[in-house]
């Protein structure tokens, strides 16, 4: 059984036991969350439910494993012959989730 969920404006294909990295959610490590933005569900029998845009009464229960930040991305701006250089760094925060159950 798998489902397609939406979190942080992105879509993820998940099944039970899947560990995924999503945009930062306001929750502490060890918390359990319910994601009800389920776009599609495929059960064990191969039956597919596609939402319009969401599947009714479907939910995915997840556990927050950790809050963290990705590797640094260097943003370097440069204009030739103008003595203009600007170096910046950015670390995007993320939340690592583990899928516990999928309910249709």
PDB file of N, CA and C in Angstrom:
ATOM      1  N   UNK A   1       0.846  -1.176   0.000  1.00  0.00           N
ATOM      2  CA  UNK A   1       0.000   0.000   0.000  1.00  0.00           C
ATOM      3  C   UNK A   1       0.887   1.233   0.000  1.00  0.00           C
ATOM      4  N   UNK A   2       0.558   2.185  -0.848  1.00  0.00           N
ATOM      5  CA  UNK A   2       1.274   3.454  -0.839  1.00  0.00           C
ATOM      6  C   UNK A   2       0.309   4.593  -1.073  1.00  0.00           C
ATOM      7  N   UNK A   3       0.784   5.792  -0.759  1.00  0.00           N
ATOM      8  CA  UNK A   3      -0.032   6.989  -0.916  1.00  0.00           C
ATOM      9  C   UNK A   3       0.841   8.108  -1.442  1.00  0.00           C
ATOM     10  N   UNK A   4       0.209   9.088  -2.055  1.00  0.00           N
ATOM     11  CA  UNK A   4       0.896  10.304  -2.483  1.00  0.00           C
ATOM     12  C   UNK A   4       0.356  11.424  -1.607  1.00  0.00           C
ATOM     13  N   UNK A   5       1.276  12.062  -0.850  1.00  0.00           N
ATOM     14  CA  UNK A   5       0.873  13.129   0.064  1.00  0.00           C
ATOM     15  C   UNK A   5       1.508  14.439  -0.367  1.00  0.00           C
ATOM     16  N   UNK A   6       0.967  15.525   0.159  1.00  0.00           N
ATOM     17  CA  UNK A   6       1.524  16.846  -0.115  1.00  0.00           C
ATOM     18  C   UNK A   6       1.967  17.472   1.200  1.00  0.00           C
ATOM     19  N   UNK A   7       3.193  17.997   1.200  1.00  0.00           N
ATOM     20  CA  UNK A   7       3.706  18.688   2.377  1.00  0.00           C
ATOM     21  C   UNK A   7       4.694  19.743   1.911  1.00  0.00           C
ATOM     22  N   UNK A   8       4.497  20.949   2.347  1.00  0.00           N
ATOM     23  CA  UNK A   8       5.414  22.027   1.974  1.00  0.00           C
ATOM     24  C   UNK A   8       5.386  22.367   0.497  1.00  0.00           C
ATOM     25  N   UNK A   9       4.248  22.142  -0.170  1.00  0.00           N
ATOM     26  CA  UNK A   9       4.127  22.453  -1.583  1.00  0.00           C
ATOM     27  C   UNK A   9       4.751  21.413  -2.493  1.00  0.00           C
ATOM     28  N   UNK A  10       5.203  20.298  -1.936  1.00  0.00           N
ATOM     29  CA  UNK A  10       5.801  19.227  -2.732  1.00  0.00           C
ATOM     30  C   UNK A  10       5.012  17.947  -2.506  1.00  0.00           C
ATOM     31  N   UNK A  11       5.110  17.021  -3.461  1.00  0.00           N
ATOM     32  CA  UNK A  11       4.393  15.763  -3.364  1.00  0.00           C
ATOM     33  C   UNK A  11       5.382  14.632  -3.123  1.00  0.00           C
ATOM     34  N   UNK A  12       4.989  13.685  -2.277  1.00  0.00           N
ATOM     35  CA  UNK A  12       5.848  12.564  -1.916  1.00  0.00           C
ATOM     36  C   UNK A  12       5.067  11.261  -2.020  1.00  0.00           C
ATOM     37  N   UNK A  13       5.683  10.232  -2.595  1.00  0.00           N
ATOM     38  CA  UNK A  13       5.099   8.896  -2.626  1.00  0.00           C
ATOM     39  C   UNK A  13       5.622   8.153  -1.409  1.00  0.00           C
ATOM     40  N   UNK A  14       4.720   7.714  -0.520  1.00  0.00           N
ATOM     41  CA  UNK A  14       5.128   7.097   0.736  1.00  0.00           C
ATOM     42  C   UNK A  14       4.408   5.768   0.932  1.00  0.00           C
ATOM     43  N   UNK A  15       5.053   4.876   1.649  1.00  0.00           N
ATOM     44  CA  UNK A  15       4.425   3.650   2.124  1.00  0.00           C
ATOM     45  C   UNK A  15       4.793   3.511   3.592  1.00  0.00           C
ATOM     46  N   UNK A  16       4.218   2.526   4.281  1.00  0.00           N
ATOM     47  CA  UNK A  16       4.477   2.380   5.707  1.00  0.00           C
ATOM     48  C   UNK A  16       5.944   2.045   5.932  1.00  0.00           C
ATOM     49  N   UNK A  17       6.571   2.771   6.858  1.00  0.00           N
ATOM     50  CA  UNK A  17       7.981   2.570   7.141  1.00  0.00           C
ATOM     51  C   UNK A  17       8.906   3.487   6.368  1.00  0.00           C
ATOM     52  N   UNK A  18       8.388   4.266   5.427  1.00  0.00           N
ATOM     53  CA  UNK A  18       9.201   5.176   4.633  1.00  0.00           C
ATOM     54  C   UNK A  18       9.713   6.327   5.492  1.00  0.00           C
ATOM     55  N   UNK A  19      10.981   6.677   5.307  1.00  0.00           N
ATOM     56  CA  UNK A  19      11.567   7.842   5.976  1.00  0.00           C
ATOM     57  C   UNK A  19      11.783   8.904   4.904  1.00  0.00           C
ATOM     58  N   UNK A  20      11.258  10.108   5.131  1.00  0.00           N
ATOM     59  CA  UNK A  20      11.407  11.161   4.136  1.00  0.00           C
ATOM     60  C   UNK A  20      11.760  12.478   4.786  1.00  0.00           C
ATOM     61  N   UNK A  21      12.336  13.356   3.976  1.00  0.00           N
ATOM     62  CA  UNK A  21      12.773  14.676   4.407  1.00  0.00           C
ATOM     63  C   UNK A  21      11.862  15.704   3.748  1.00  0.00           C
ATOM     64  N   UNK A  22      11.143  16.479   4.568  1.00  0.00           N
ATOM     65  CA  UNK A  22      10.202  17.476   4.049  1.00  0.00           C
ATOM     66  C   UNK A  22      10.608  18.858   4.543  1.00  0.00           C
ATOM     67  N   UNK A  23       9.948  19.877   4.005  1.00  0.00           N
ATOM     68  CA  UNK A  23      10.169  21.234   4.486  1.00  0.00           C
ATOM     69  C   UNK A  23       9.824  21.298   5.966  1.00  0.00           C
ATOM     70  N   UNK A  24      10.430  22.230   6.676  1.00  0.00           N
ATOM     71  CA  UNK A  24      10.317  22.288   8.135  1.00  0.00           C
ATOM     72  C   UNK A  24       8.868  22.366   8.603  1.00  0.00           C
ATOM     73  N   UNK A  25       8.519  21.487   9.554  1.00  0.00           N
ATOM     74  CA  UNK A  25       7.225  21.500  10.214  1.00  0.00           C
ATOM     75  C   UNK A  25       7.442  21.876  11.673  1.00  0.00           C
ATOM     76  N   UNK A  26       6.478  22.573  12.257  1.00  0.00           N
ATOM     77  CA  UNK A  26       6.585  22.983  13.651  1.00  0.00           C
ATOM     78  C   UNK A  26       6.190  21.829  14.566  1.00  0.00           C
ATOM     79  N   UNK A  27       7.150  20.986  14.890  1.00  0.00           N
ATOM     80  CA  UNK A  27       6.930  19.855  15.793  1.00  0.00           C
ATOM     81  C   UNK A  27       8.277  19.430  16.350  1.00  0.00           C
ATOM     82  N   UNK A  28       8.260  18.871  17.539  1.00  0.00           N
ATOM     83  CA  UNK A  28       9.497  18.412  18.174  1.00  0.00           C
ATOM     84  C   UNK A  28       9.756  16.957  17.790  1.00  0.00           C
ATOM     85  N   UNK A  29      10.997  16.530  17.956  1.00  0.00           N
ATOM     86  CA  UNK A  29      11.352  15.144  17.663  1.00  0.00           C
ATOM     87  C   UNK A  29      10.570  14.223  18.587  1.00  0.00           C
ATOM     88  N   UNK A  30      10.007  13.157  18.018  1.00  0.00           N
ATOM     89  CA  UNK A  30       9.207  12.219  18.791  1.00  0.00           C
ATOM     90  C   UNK A  30       7.711  12.478  18.703  1.00  0.00           C
ATOM     91  N   UNK A  31       7.309  13.647  18.211  1.00  0.00           N
ATOM     92  CA  UNK A  31       5.882  13.954  18.074  1.00  0.00           C
ATOM     93  C   UNK A  31       5.268  13.137  16.945  1.00  0.00           C
ATOM     94  N   UNK A  32       3.967  12.886  17.064  1.00  0.00           N
ATOM     95  CA  UNK A  32       3.230  12.212  16.004  1.00  0.00           C
ATOM     96  C   UNK A  32       2.305  13.229  15.352  1.00  0.00           C
ATOM     97  N   UNK A  33       2.302  13.251  14.034  1.00  0.00           N
ATOM     98  CA  UNK A  33       1.472  14.173  13.272  1.00  0.00           C
ATOM     99  C   UNK A  33       0.561  13.389  12.342  1.00  0.00           C
ATOM    100  N   UNK A  34      -0.521  14.015  11.939  1.00  0.00           N
ATOM    101  CA  UNK A  34      -1.430  13.426  10.961  1.00  0.00           C
ATOM    102  C   UNK A  34      -1.432  14.331   9.735  1.00  0.00           C
ATOM    103  N   UNK A  35      -1.110  13.757   8.596  1.00  0.00           N
ATOM    104  CA  UNK A  35      -1.147  14.495   7.330  1.00  0.00           C
ATOM    105  C   UNK A  35      -2.419  14.086   6.617  1.00  0.00           C
ATOM    106  N   UNK A  36      -3.308  15.062   6.395  1.00  0.00           N
ATOM    107  CA  UNK A  36      -4.572  14.738   5.741  1.00  0.00           C
ATOM    108  C   UNK A  36      -4.630  15.228   4.297  1.00  0.00           C
ATOM    109  N   UNK A  37      -3.554  15.768   3.799  1.00  0.00           N
ATOM    110  CA  UNK A  37      -3.483  16.151   2.390  1.00  0.00           C
ATOM    111  C   UNK A  37      -2.998  14.943   1.586  1.00  0.00           C
ATOM    112  N   UNK A  38      -3.916  14.001   1.359  1.00  0.00           N
ATOM    113  CA  UNK A  38      -3.601  12.774   0.626  1.00  0.00           C
ATOM    114  C   UNK A  38      -4.200  12.917  -0.769  1.00  0.00           C
ATOM    115  N   UNK A  39      -3.353  12.853  -1.796  1.00  0.00           N
ATOM    116  CA  UNK A  39      -3.790  13.060  -3.173  1.00  0.00           C
ATOM    117  C   UNK A  39      -4.201  11.757  -3.852  1.00  0.00           C
ATOM    118  N   UNK A  40      -3.571  10.632  -3.445  1.00  0.00           N
ATOM    119  CA  UNK A  40      -3.864   9.352  -4.083  1.00  0.00           C
ATOM    120  C   UNK A  40      -3.515   8.227  -3.124  1.00  0.00           C
ATOM    121  N   UNK A  41      -4.283   7.130  -3.188  1.00  0.00           N
ATOM    122  CA  UNK A  41      -3.988   5.938  -2.395  1.00  0.00           C
ATOM    123  C   UNK A  41      -4.097   4.714  -3.291  1.00  0.00           C
ATOM    124  N   UNK A  42      -3.115   3.816  -3.176  1.00  0.00           N
ATOM    125  CA  UNK A  42      -3.136   2.526  -3.862  1.00  0.00           C
ATOM    126  C   UNK A  42      -3.066   1.466  -2.773  1.00  0.00           C
ATOM    127  N   UNK A  43      -4.125   0.631  -2.640  1.00  0.00           N
ATOM    128  CA  UNK A  43      -4.133  -0.362  -1.561  1.00  0.00           C
ATOM    129  C   UNK A  43      -3.514  -1.680  -2.010  1.00  0.00           C
ATOM    130  N   UNK A  44      -3.563  -2.699  -1.120  1.00  0.00           N
ATOM    131  CA  UNK A  44      -2.916  -3.980  -1.386  1.00  0.00           C
ATOM    132  C   UNK A  44      -3.523  -4.702  -2.584  1.00  0.00           C
ATOM    133  N   UNK A  45      -4.800  -4.485  -2.840  1.00  0.00           N
ATOM    134  CA  UNK A  45      -5.485  -5.171  -3.944  1.00  0.00           C
ATOM    135  C   UNK A  45      -5.241  -4.509  -5.295  1.00  0.00           C
ATOM    136  N   UNK A  46      -4.563  -3.386  -5.295  1.00  0.00           N
ATOM    137  CA  UNK A  46      -4.315  -2.672  -6.546  1.00  0.00           C
ATOM    138  C   UNK A  46      -5.385  -1.652  -6.872  1.00  0.00           C
ATOM    139  N   UNK A  47      -6.339  -1.436  -5.958  1.00  0.00           N
ATOM    140  CA  UNK A  47      -7.375  -0.428  -6.171  1.00  0.00           C
ATOM    141  C   UNK A  47      -6.773   0.953  -5.939  1.00  0.00           C
ATOM    142  N   UNK A  48      -7.012   1.843  -6.875  1.00  0.00           N
ATOM    143  CA  UNK A  48      -6.449   3.184  -6.799  1.00  0.00           C
ATOM    144  C   UNK A  48      -7.563   4.186  -6.546  1.00  0.00           C
ATOM    145  N   UNK A  49      -7.375   5.017  -5.526  1.00  0.00           N
ATOM    146  CA  UNK A  49      -8.298   6.118  -5.252  1.00  0.00           C
ATOM    147  C   UNK A  49      -7.560   7.412  -5.521  1.00  0.00           C
ATOM    148  N   UNK A  50      -8.093   8.190  -6.446  1.00  0.00           N
ATOM    149  CA  UNK A  50      -7.489   9.475  -6.786  1.00  0.00           C
ATOM    150  C   UNK A  50      -8.429  10.562  -6.310  1.00  0.00           C
ATOM    151  N   UNK A  51      -7.904  11.525  -5.578  1.00  0.00           N
ATOM    152  CA  UNK A  51      -8.721  12.594  -5.039  1.00  0.00           C
ATOM    153  C   UNK A  51      -8.995  13.680  -6.053  1.00  0.00           C
ATOM    154  N   UNK A  52      -9.945  14.543  -5.683  1.00  0.00           N
ATOM    155  CA  UNK A  52     -10.287  15.658  -6.561  1.00  0.00           C
ATOM    156  C   UNK A  52     -10.414  16.923  -5.729  1.00  0.00           C
ATOM    157  N   UNK A  53      -9.383  17.559  -5.234  1.00  0.00           N
ATOM    158  CA  UNK A  53      -7.959  17.217  -5.320  1.00  0.00           C
ATOM    159  C   UNK A  53      -7.499  16.267  -4.226  1.00  0.00           C
ATOM    160  N   UNK A  54      -8.287  16.103  -3.117  1.00  0.00           N
ATOM    161  CA  UNK A  54      -7.854  15.247  -2.020  1.00  0.00           C
ATOM    162  C   UNK A  54      -8.780  14.050  -1.889  1.00  0.00           C
ATOM    163  N   UNK A  55      -8.244  12.931  -1.363  1.00  0.00           N
ATOM    164  CA  UNK A  55      -9.046  11.742  -1.103  1.00  0.00           C
ATOM    165  C   UNK A  55      -9.793  11.961   0.210  1.00  0.00           C
ATOM    166  N   UNK A  56     -11.103  11.728   0.194  1.00  0.00           N
ATOM    167  CA  UNK A  56     -11.927  11.921   1.398  1.00  0.00           C
ATOM    168  C   UNK A  56     -11.589  10.883   2.459  1.00  0.00           C
ATOM    169  N   UNK A  57     -11.556  11.316   3.723  1.00  0.00           N
ATOM    170  CA  UNK A  57     -11.334  10.451   4.892  1.00  0.00           C
ATOM    171  C   UNK A  57     -10.025   9.669   4.820  1.00  0.00           C
ATOM    172  N   UNK A  58      -9.044  10.179   4.143  1.00  0.00           N
ATOM    173  CA  UNK A  58      -7.738   9.523   4.080  1.00  0.00           C
ATOM    174  C   UNK A  58      -6.761  10.320   4.919  1.00  0.00           C
ATOM    175  N   UNK A  59      -5.860   9.586   5.608  1.00  0.00           N
ATOM    176  CA  UNK A  59      -4.873  10.258   6.441  1.00  0.00           C
ATOM    177  C   UNK A  59      -3.635   9.394   6.557  1.00  0.00           C
ATOM    178  N   UNK A  60      -2.526  10.057   6.754  1.00  0.00           N
ATOM    179  CA  UNK A  60      -1.254   9.376   6.937  1.00  0.00           C
ATOM    180  C   UNK A  60      -0.693   9.840   8.277  1.00  0.00           C
ATOM    181  N   UNK A  61      -0.391   8.887   9.151  1.00  0.00           N
ATOM    182  CA  UNK A  61       0.172   9.217  10.455  1.00  0.00           C
ATOM    183  C   UNK A  61       1.686   9.078  10.371  1.00  0.00           C
ATOM    184  N   UNK A  62       2.393  10.120  10.810  1.00  0.00           N
ATOM    185  CA  UNK A  62       3.856  10.135  10.744  1.00  0.00           C
ATOM    186  C   UNK A  62       4.427  10.483  12.113  1.00  0.00           C
ATOM    187  N   UNK A  63       5.683  10.103  12.301  1.00  0.00           N
ATOM    188  CA  UNK A  63       6.410  10.442  13.519  1.00  0.00           C
ATOM    189  C   UNK A  63       7.604  11.303  13.130  1.00  0.00           C
ATOM    190  N   UNK A  64       7.824  12.392  13.867  1.00  0.00           N
ATOM    191  CA  UNK A  64       8.950  13.276  13.603  1.00  0.00           C
ATOM    192  C   UNK A  64      10.206  12.630  14.183  1.00  0.00           C
ATOM    193  N   UNK A  65      11.180  12.364  13.330  1.00  0.00           N
ATOM    194  CA  UNK A  65      12.422  11.745  13.779  1.00  0.00           C
ATOM    195  C   UNK A  65      13.432  12.797  14.216  1.00  0.00           C
ATOM    196  N   UNK A  66      13.559  13.866  13.413  1.00  0.00           N
ATOM    197  CA  UNK A  66      14.511  14.916  13.765  1.00  0.00           C
ATOM    198  C   UNK A  66      14.191  16.199  13.024  1.00  0.00           C
ATOM    199  N   UNK A  67      14.682  17.297  13.581  1.00  0.00           N
ATOM    200  CA  UNK A  67      14.680  18.595  12.920  1.00  0.00           C
ATOM    201  C   UNK A  67      16.131  18.897  12.590  1.00  0.00           C
ATOM    202  N   UNK A  68      16.391  19.403  11.407  1.00  0.00           N
ATOM    203  CA  UNK A  68      17.779  19.661  11.056  1.00  0.00           C
ATOM    204  C   UNK A  68      17.898  20.717   9.976  1.00  0.00           C
ATOM    205  N   UNK A  69      19.123  20.877   9.506  1.00  0.00           N
ATOM    206  CA  UNK A  69      19.399  21.818   8.412  1.00  0.00           C
ATOM    207  C   UNK A  69      20.268  21.120   7.386  1.00  0.00           C
ATOM    208  N   UNK A  70      19.982  21.388   6.111  1.00  0.00           N
ATOM    209  CA  UNK A  70      20.739  20.780   5.014  1.00  0.00           C
ATOM    210  C   UNK A  70      22.144  21.344   4.941  1.00  0.00           C
ATOM    211  N   UNK A  71      22.937  20.789   4.030  1.00  0.00           N
ATOM    212  CA  UNK A  71      24.278  21.306   3.797  1.00  0.00           C
ATOM    213  C   UNK A  71      24.199  22.734   3.271  1.00  0.00           C
ATOM    214  N   UNK A  72      25.255  23.473   3.490  1.00  0.00           N
ATOM    215  CA  UNK A  72      25.279  24.862   3.080  1.00  0.00           C
ATOM    216  C   UNK A  72      25.343  24.985   1.555  1.00  0.00           C
ATOM    217  N   UNK A  73      24.533  25.883   1.028  1.00  0.00           N
ATOM    218  CA  UNK A  73      24.558  26.228  -0.385  1.00  0.00           C
ATOM    219  C   UNK A  73      25.201  27.603  -0.480  1.00  0.00           C
ATOM    220  N   UNK A  74      26.251  27.738  -1.283  1.00  0.00           N
ATOM    221  CA  UNK A  74      26.948  29.018  -1.431  1.00  0.00           C
ATOM    222  C   UNK A  74      26.308  29.796  -2.572  1.00  0.00           C
ATOM    223  N   UNK A  75      25.918  31.034  -2.276  1.00  0.00           N
ATOM    224  CA  UNK A  75      25.346  31.938  -3.275  1.00  0.00           C
ATOM    225  C   UNK A  75      26.410  32.990  -3.547  1.00  0.00           C
ATOM    226  N   UNK A  76      26.959  32.999  -4.760  1.00  0.00           N
ATOM    227  CA  UNK A  76      28.034  33.916  -5.095  1.00  0.00           C
ATOM    228  C   UNK A  76      27.589  34.786  -6.256  1.00  0.00           C
ATOM    229  N   UNK A  77      27.531  36.113  -6.012  1.00  0.00           N
ATOM    230  CA  UNK A  77      27.148  37.062  -7.054  1.00  0.00           C
ATOM    231  C   UNK A  77      28.401  37.805  -7.489  1.00  0.00           C
ATOM    232  N   UNK A  78      28.514  38.056  -8.790  1.00  0.00           N
ATOM    233  CA  UNK A  78      29.739  38.613  -9.336  1.00  0.00           C
ATOM    234  C   UNK A  78      29.410  39.405 -10.582  1.00  0.00           C
ATOM    235  N   UNK A  79      29.984  40.609 -10.684  1.00  0.00           N
ATOM    236  CA  UNK A  79      29.872  41.392 -11.921  1.00  0.00           C
ATOM    237  C   UNK A  79      31.283  41.708 -12.401  1.00  0.00           C
ATOM    238  N   UNK A  80      31.573  41.308 -13.583  1.00  0.00           N
ATOM    239  CA  UNK A  80      32.934  41.481 -14.090  1.00  0.00           C
ATOM    240  C   UNK A  80      33.267  42.956 -14.303  1.00  0.00           C
ATOM    241  N   UNK A  81      34.501  43.269 -14.070  1.00  0.00           N
ATOM    242  CA  UNK A  81      35.069  44.606 -14.264  1.00  0.00           C
ATOM    243  C   UNK A  81      34.438  45.680 -13.381  1.00  0.00           C
ATOM    244  N   UNK A  82      33.621  45.342 -12.437  1.00  0.00           N
ATOM    245  CA  UNK A  82      32.969  46.343 -11.587  1.00  0.00           C
ATOM    246  C   UNK A  82      33.395  46.207 -10.127  1.00  0.00           C
ATOM    247  N   UNK A  83      34.296  45.278  -9.835  1.00  0.00           N
ATOM    248  CA  UNK A  83      34.768  45.032  -8.481  1.00  0.00           C
ATOM    249  C   UNK A  83      33.608  44.731  -7.537  1.00  0.00           C
ATOM    250  N   UNK A  84      32.665  43.945  -8.025  1.00  0.00           N
ATOM    251  CA  UNK A  84      31.500  43.567  -7.232  1.00  0.00           C
ATOM    252  C   UNK A  84      31.501  42.060  -7.017  1.00  0.00           C
ATOM    253  N   UNK A  85      31.634  41.667  -5.775  1.00  0.00           N
ATOM    254  CA  UNK A  85      31.542  40.261  -5.395  1.00  0.00           C
ATOM    255  C   UNK A  85      30.759  40.189  -4.104  1.00  0.00           C
ATOM    256  N   UNK A  86      29.837  39.243  -4.034  1.00  0.00           N
ATOM    257  CA  UNK A  86      29.049  39.067  -2.832  1.00  0.00           C
ATOM    258  C   UNK A  86      28.891  37.567  -2.586  1.00  0.00           C
ATOM    259  N   UNK A  87      29.343  37.124  -1.430  1.00  0.00           N
ATOM    260  CA  UNK A  87      29.266  35.706  -1.103  1.00  0.00           C
ATOM    261  C   UNK A  87      28.326  35.525   0.083  1.00  0.00           C
ATOM    262  N   UNK A  88      27.348  34.632  -0.091  1.00  0.00           N
ATOM    263  CA  UNK A  88      26.368  34.360   0.937  1.00  0.00           C
ATOM    264  C   UNK A  88      26.200  32.861   1.067  1.00  0.00           C
ATOM    265  N   UNK A  89      25.794  32.422   2.235  1.00  0.00           N
ATOM    266  CA  UNK A  89      25.507  31.016   2.438  1.00  0.00           C
ATOM    267  C   UNK A  89      24.082  30.839   2.921  1.00  0.00           C
ATOM    268  N   UNK A  90      23.522  29.653   2.666  1.00  0.00           N
ATOM    269  CA  UNK A  90      22.149  29.375   3.086  1.00  0.00           C
ATOM    270  C   UNK A  90      22.037  27.911   3.473  1.00  0.00           C
ATOM    271  N   UNK A  91      21.412  27.646   4.619  1.00  0.00           N
ATOM    272  CA  UNK A  91      21.126  26.277   5.050  1.00  0.00           C
ATOM    273  C   UNK A  91      19.626  26.146   5.256  1.00  0.00           C
ATOM    274  N   UNK A  92      18.999  25.330   4.422  1.00  0.00           N
ATOM    275  CA  UNK A  92      17.547  25.169   4.456  1.00  0.00           C
ATOM    276  C   UNK A  92      17.146  24.214   5.583  1.00  0.00           C
ATOM    277  N   UNK A  93      16.236  24.616   6.472  1.00  0.00           N
ATOM    278  CA  UNK A  93      15.789  23.702   7.531  1.00  0.00           C
ATOM    279  C   UNK A  93      14.870  22.614   6.976  1.00  0.00           C
ATOM    280  N   UNK A  94      14.903  21.438   7.600  1.00  0.00           N
ATOM    281  CA  UNK A  94      14.060  20.335   7.174  1.00  0.00           C
ATOM    282  C   UNK A  94      13.558  19.555   8.388  1.00  0.00           C
ATOM    283  N   UNK A  95      12.577  18.697   8.145  1.00  0.00           N
ATOM    284  CA  UNK A  95      12.054  17.782   9.151  1.00  0.00           C
ATOM    285  C   UNK A  95      12.106  16.383   8.556  1.00  0.00           C
ATOM    286  N   UNK A  96      12.685  15.433   9.297  1.00  0.00           N
ATOM    287  CA  UNK A  96      12.722  14.049   8.843  1.00  0.00           C
ATOM    288  C   UNK A  96      11.555  13.304   9.488  1.00  0.00           C
ATOM    289  N   UNK A  97      10.731  12.661   8.639  1.00  0.00           N
ATOM    290  CA  UNK A  97       9.524  11.972   9.086  1.00  0.00           C
ATOM    291  C   UNK A  97       9.608  10.483   8.799  1.00  0.00           C
ATOM    292  N   UNK A  98       8.961   9.688   9.643  1.00  0.00           N
ATOM    293  CA  UNK A  98       8.806   8.261   9.399  1.00  0.00           C
ATOM    294  C   UNK A  98       7.308   7.973   9.331  1.00  0.00           C
ATOM    295  N   UNK A  99       6.872   7.316   8.247  1.00  0.00           N
ATOM    296  CA  UNK A  99       5.452   7.020   8.051  1.00  0.00           C
ATOM    297  C   UNK A  99       5.100   5.800   8.894  1.00  0.00           C
ATOM    298  N   UNK A 100       4.065   5.955   9.729  1.00  0.00           N
ATOM    299  CA  UNK A 100       3.619   4.856  10.588  1.00  0.00           C
ATOM    300  C   UNK A 100       2.444   4.096   9.973  1.00  0.00           C
ATOM    301  N   UNK A 101       1.381   4.796   9.647  1.00  0.00           N
ATOM    302  CA  UNK A 101       0.204   4.137   9.085  1.00  0.00           C
ATOM    303  C   UNK A 101      -0.411   4.970   7.968  1.00  0.00           C
ATOM    304  N   UNK A 102      -1.065   4.263   7.059  1.00  0.00           N
ATOM    305  CA  UNK A 102      -1.829   4.905   5.985  1.00  0.00           C
ATOM    306  C   UNK A 102      -3.265   4.397   6.106  1.00  0.00           C
ATOM    307  N   UNK A 103      -4.201   5.328   6.255  1.00  0.00           N
ATOM    308  CA  UNK A 103      -5.610   4.958   6.405  1.00  0.00           C
ATOM    309  C   UNK A 103      -6.413   5.574   5.279  1.00  0.00           C
ATOM    310  N   UNK A 104      -7.261   4.726   4.676  1.00  0.00           N
ATOM    311  CA  UNK A 104      -8.080   5.198   3.560  1.00  0.00           C
ATOM    312  C   UNK A 104      -9.501   5.434   4.017  1.00  0.00           C
TER     313      UNK A 104
END
